[in-house]
């Protein structure tokens, strides 16, 4: 049962994360959404969240092109 509970907790956390991200993006709070996605991407090593974070950072006005080498 512990495995089921952990998985259920994980799914609930992911649902809350998606909800927060959607709300921040809907409200135009791009940097908030980016930081939340970036933080979670670092913890979970999820590339989709890292990509979403970078897209939200760009919408917030951050320019990463000048750092490319």
N, C-alpha and C. Protein backbone atom coordinates (compact mmCIF):
# COMPACT_ATOMS: atom_id res chain seq x y z
N UNK A 1 0.81 -1.20 0.00
CA UNK A 1 0.00 0.00 0.00
C UNK A 1 0.85 1.27 0.00
N UNK A 2 2.05 1.19 0.56
CA UNK A 2 2.89 2.39 0.60
C UNK A 2 3.24 2.87 -0.80
N UNK A 3 3.52 1.92 -1.71
CA UNK A 3 3.85 2.29 -3.08
C UNK A 3 2.70 3.00 -3.76
N UNK A 4 1.49 2.54 -3.50
CA UNK A 4 0.30 3.16 -4.08
C UNK A 4 0.12 4.56 -3.53
N UNK A 5 0.33 4.71 -2.22
CA UNK A 5 0.18 6.02 -1.59
C UNK A 5 1.21 7.00 -2.12
N UNK A 6 2.47 6.55 -2.25
CA UNK A 6 3.51 7.43 -2.77
C UNK A 6 3.20 7.87 -4.19
N UNK A 7 2.74 6.93 -5.02
CA UNK A 7 2.40 7.27 -6.40
C UNK A 7 1.22 8.23 -6.44
N UNK A 8 0.24 7.99 -5.58
CA UNK A 8 -0.92 8.86 -5.50
C UNK A 8 -0.50 10.27 -5.07
N UNK A 9 0.41 10.36 -4.11
CA UNK A 9 0.92 11.66 -3.66
C UNK A 9 1.67 12.36 -4.78
N UNK A 10 2.45 11.58 -5.54
CA UNK A 10 3.19 12.14 -6.67
C UNK A 10 2.24 12.71 -7.71
N UNK A 11 1.19 11.97 -8.04
CA UNK A 11 0.21 12.44 -9.02
C UNK A 11 -0.49 13.71 -8.54
N UNK A 12 -0.81 13.76 -7.27
CA UNK A 12 -1.47 14.95 -6.71
C UNK A 12 -0.53 16.16 -6.78
N UNK A 13 0.74 15.94 -6.48
CA UNK A 13 1.71 17.03 -6.54
C UNK A 13 1.85 17.55 -7.98
N UNK A 14 1.89 16.62 -8.94
CA UNK A 14 2.02 17.02 -10.35
C UNK A 14 0.78 17.79 -10.81
N UNK A 15 -0.38 17.38 -10.33
CA UNK A 15 -1.63 18.08 -10.67
C UNK A 15 -1.60 19.51 -10.14
N UNK A 16 -1.15 19.67 -8.90
CA UNK A 16 -1.05 21.01 -8.30
C UNK A 16 -0.04 21.86 -9.06
N UNK A 17 1.09 21.25 -9.44
CA UNK A 17 2.11 21.98 -10.18
C UNK A 17 1.54 22.49 -11.51
N UNK A 18 0.86 21.60 -12.26
CA UNK A 18 0.25 22.02 -13.53
C UNK A 18 -0.75 23.15 -13.31
N UNK A 19 -1.53 23.06 -12.24
CA UNK A 19 -2.53 24.08 -11.95
C UNK A 19 -1.86 25.42 -11.68
N UNK A 20 -0.82 25.42 -10.84
CA UNK A 20 -0.10 26.66 -10.54
C UNK A 20 0.53 27.24 -11.80
N UNK A 21 1.17 26.41 -12.59
CA UNK A 21 1.80 26.90 -13.81
C UNK A 21 0.79 27.51 -14.77
N UNK A 22 -0.34 26.83 -14.96
CA UNK A 22 -1.37 27.35 -15.85
C UNK A 22 -1.92 28.68 -15.35
N UNK A 23 -2.14 28.79 -14.05
CA UNK A 23 -2.66 30.04 -13.48
C UNK A 23 -1.67 31.18 -13.64
N UNK A 24 -0.40 30.92 -13.32
CA UNK A 24 0.63 31.96 -13.48
C UNK A 24 0.72 32.41 -14.93
N UNK A 25 0.71 31.44 -15.85
CA UNK A 25 0.81 31.79 -17.27
C UNK A 25 -0.44 32.54 -17.74
N UNK A 26 -1.59 32.12 -17.29
CA UNK A 26 -2.85 32.78 -17.66
C UNK A 26 -2.86 34.24 -17.19
N UNK A 27 -2.28 34.48 -16.00
CA UNK A 27 -2.24 35.82 -15.42
C UNK A 27 -1.07 36.65 -15.95
N UNK A 28 -0.24 36.05 -16.80
CA UNK A 28 0.90 36.77 -17.34
C UNK A 28 2.06 36.87 -16.37
N UNK A 29 2.08 36.03 -15.36
CA UNK A 29 3.17 36.02 -14.38
C UNK A 29 4.23 35.04 -14.86
N UNK A 30 4.88 35.43 -15.96
CA UNK A 30 5.80 34.54 -16.63
C UNK A 30 7.00 34.18 -15.77
N UNK A 31 7.56 35.15 -15.04
CA UNK A 31 8.74 34.83 -14.24
C UNK A 31 8.40 33.90 -13.08
N UNK A 32 7.20 34.06 -12.51
CA UNK A 32 6.76 33.15 -11.44
C UNK A 32 6.64 31.72 -11.98
N UNK A 33 6.00 31.60 -13.13
CA UNK A 33 5.82 30.29 -13.75
C UNK A 33 7.17 29.68 -14.10
N UNK A 34 8.07 30.50 -14.63
CA UNK A 34 9.39 30.02 -15.02
C UNK A 34 10.17 29.50 -13.83
N UNK A 35 10.16 30.26 -12.75
CA UNK A 35 10.90 29.85 -11.56
C UNK A 35 10.35 28.56 -10.97
N UNK A 36 9.02 28.44 -10.95
CA UNK A 36 8.40 27.23 -10.42
C UNK A 36 8.75 26.02 -11.28
N UNK A 37 8.64 26.17 -12.59
CA UNK A 37 8.96 25.07 -13.50
C UNK A 37 10.45 24.72 -13.44
N UNK A 38 11.29 25.74 -13.36
CA UNK A 38 12.73 25.52 -13.30
C UNK A 38 13.13 24.78 -12.02
N UNK A 39 12.56 25.19 -10.92
CA UNK A 39 12.85 24.55 -9.63
C UNK A 39 12.44 23.07 -9.65
N UNK A 40 11.26 22.80 -10.17
CA UNK A 40 10.78 21.42 -10.24
C UNK A 40 11.58 20.60 -11.24
N UNK A 41 12.00 21.22 -12.33
CA UNK A 41 12.81 20.53 -13.33
C UNK A 41 14.16 20.11 -12.75
N UNK A 42 14.73 20.97 -11.92
CA UNK A 42 16.00 20.63 -11.27
C UNK A 42 15.85 19.45 -10.32
N UNK A 43 14.74 19.42 -9.58
CA UNK A 43 14.51 18.33 -8.63
C UNK A 43 14.23 17.01 -9.33
N UNK A 44 13.44 17.06 -10.40
CA UNK A 44 12.96 15.82 -11.03
C UNK A 44 13.71 15.45 -12.30
N UNK A 45 14.57 16.35 -12.79
CA UNK A 45 15.32 16.12 -14.04
C UNK A 45 14.41 15.95 -15.25
N UNK A 46 13.25 16.62 -15.20
CA UNK A 46 12.29 16.54 -16.31
C UNK A 46 12.63 17.59 -17.36
N UNK A 47 12.93 17.14 -18.56
CA UNK A 47 13.30 18.04 -19.65
C UNK A 47 12.11 18.89 -20.12
N UNK A 48 10.90 18.33 -20.05
CA UNK A 48 9.73 19.09 -20.50
C UNK A 48 9.51 20.31 -19.60
N UNK A 49 9.77 20.18 -18.32
CA UNK A 49 9.62 21.32 -17.42
C UNK A 49 10.73 22.34 -17.64
N UNK A 50 11.93 21.87 -17.94
CA UNK A 50 13.04 22.78 -18.21
C UNK A 50 12.74 23.61 -19.46
N UNK A 51 12.20 22.95 -20.48
CA UNK A 51 11.83 23.64 -21.71
C UNK A 51 10.73 24.67 -21.43
N UNK A 52 9.75 24.27 -20.66
CA UNK A 52 8.66 25.18 -20.30
C UNK A 52 9.20 26.38 -19.52
N UNK A 53 10.13 26.12 -18.61
CA UNK A 53 10.73 27.21 -17.83
C UNK A 53 11.45 28.19 -18.75
N UNK A 54 12.23 27.68 -19.69
CA UNK A 54 12.96 28.56 -20.60
C UNK A 54 12.01 29.39 -21.46
N UNK A 55 10.92 28.76 -21.91
CA UNK A 55 9.93 29.50 -22.71
C UNK A 55 9.29 30.61 -21.87
N UNK A 56 8.98 30.31 -20.62
CA UNK A 56 8.36 31.32 -19.75
C UNK A 56 9.35 32.42 -19.40
N UNK A 57 10.62 32.07 -19.21
CA UNK A 57 11.63 33.11 -18.97
C UNK A 57 11.70 34.06 -20.15
N UNK A 58 11.67 33.51 -21.36
CA UNK A 58 11.70 34.37 -22.56
C UNK A 58 10.49 35.28 -22.62
N UNK A 59 9.31 34.75 -22.27
CA UNK A 59 8.10 35.58 -22.26
C UNK A 59 8.17 36.66 -21.19
N UNK A 60 8.95 36.40 -20.14
CA UNK A 60 9.12 37.37 -19.06
C UNK A 60 10.12 38.46 -19.45
N UNK A 61 10.79 38.27 -20.60
CA UNK A 61 11.71 39.30 -21.07
C UNK A 61 13.18 38.97 -20.90
N UNK A 62 13.49 37.79 -20.38
CA UNK A 62 14.88 37.40 -20.25
C UNK A 62 15.43 37.02 -21.62
N UNK A 63 16.66 37.40 -21.89
CA UNK A 63 17.30 37.12 -23.17
C UNK A 63 18.48 36.19 -22.94
N UNK A 64 18.33 34.94 -23.32
CA UNK A 64 19.39 33.97 -23.14
C UNK A 64 20.32 33.88 -24.35
N UNK A 65 19.94 34.50 -25.46
CA UNK A 65 20.73 34.43 -26.68
C UNK A 65 22.11 35.03 -26.48
N UNK A 66 22.22 36.06 -25.67
CA UNK A 66 23.52 36.70 -25.49
C UNK A 66 24.48 35.83 -24.68
N UNK A 67 23.97 34.77 -24.03
CA UNK A 67 24.82 33.87 -23.25
C UNK A 67 25.24 32.65 -24.03
N UNK A 68 24.67 32.45 -25.22
CA UNK A 68 25.04 31.29 -26.03
C UNK A 68 26.47 31.46 -26.51
N UNK A 69 27.21 30.35 -26.54
CA UNK A 69 28.60 30.42 -27.01
C UNK A 69 28.76 29.59 -28.25
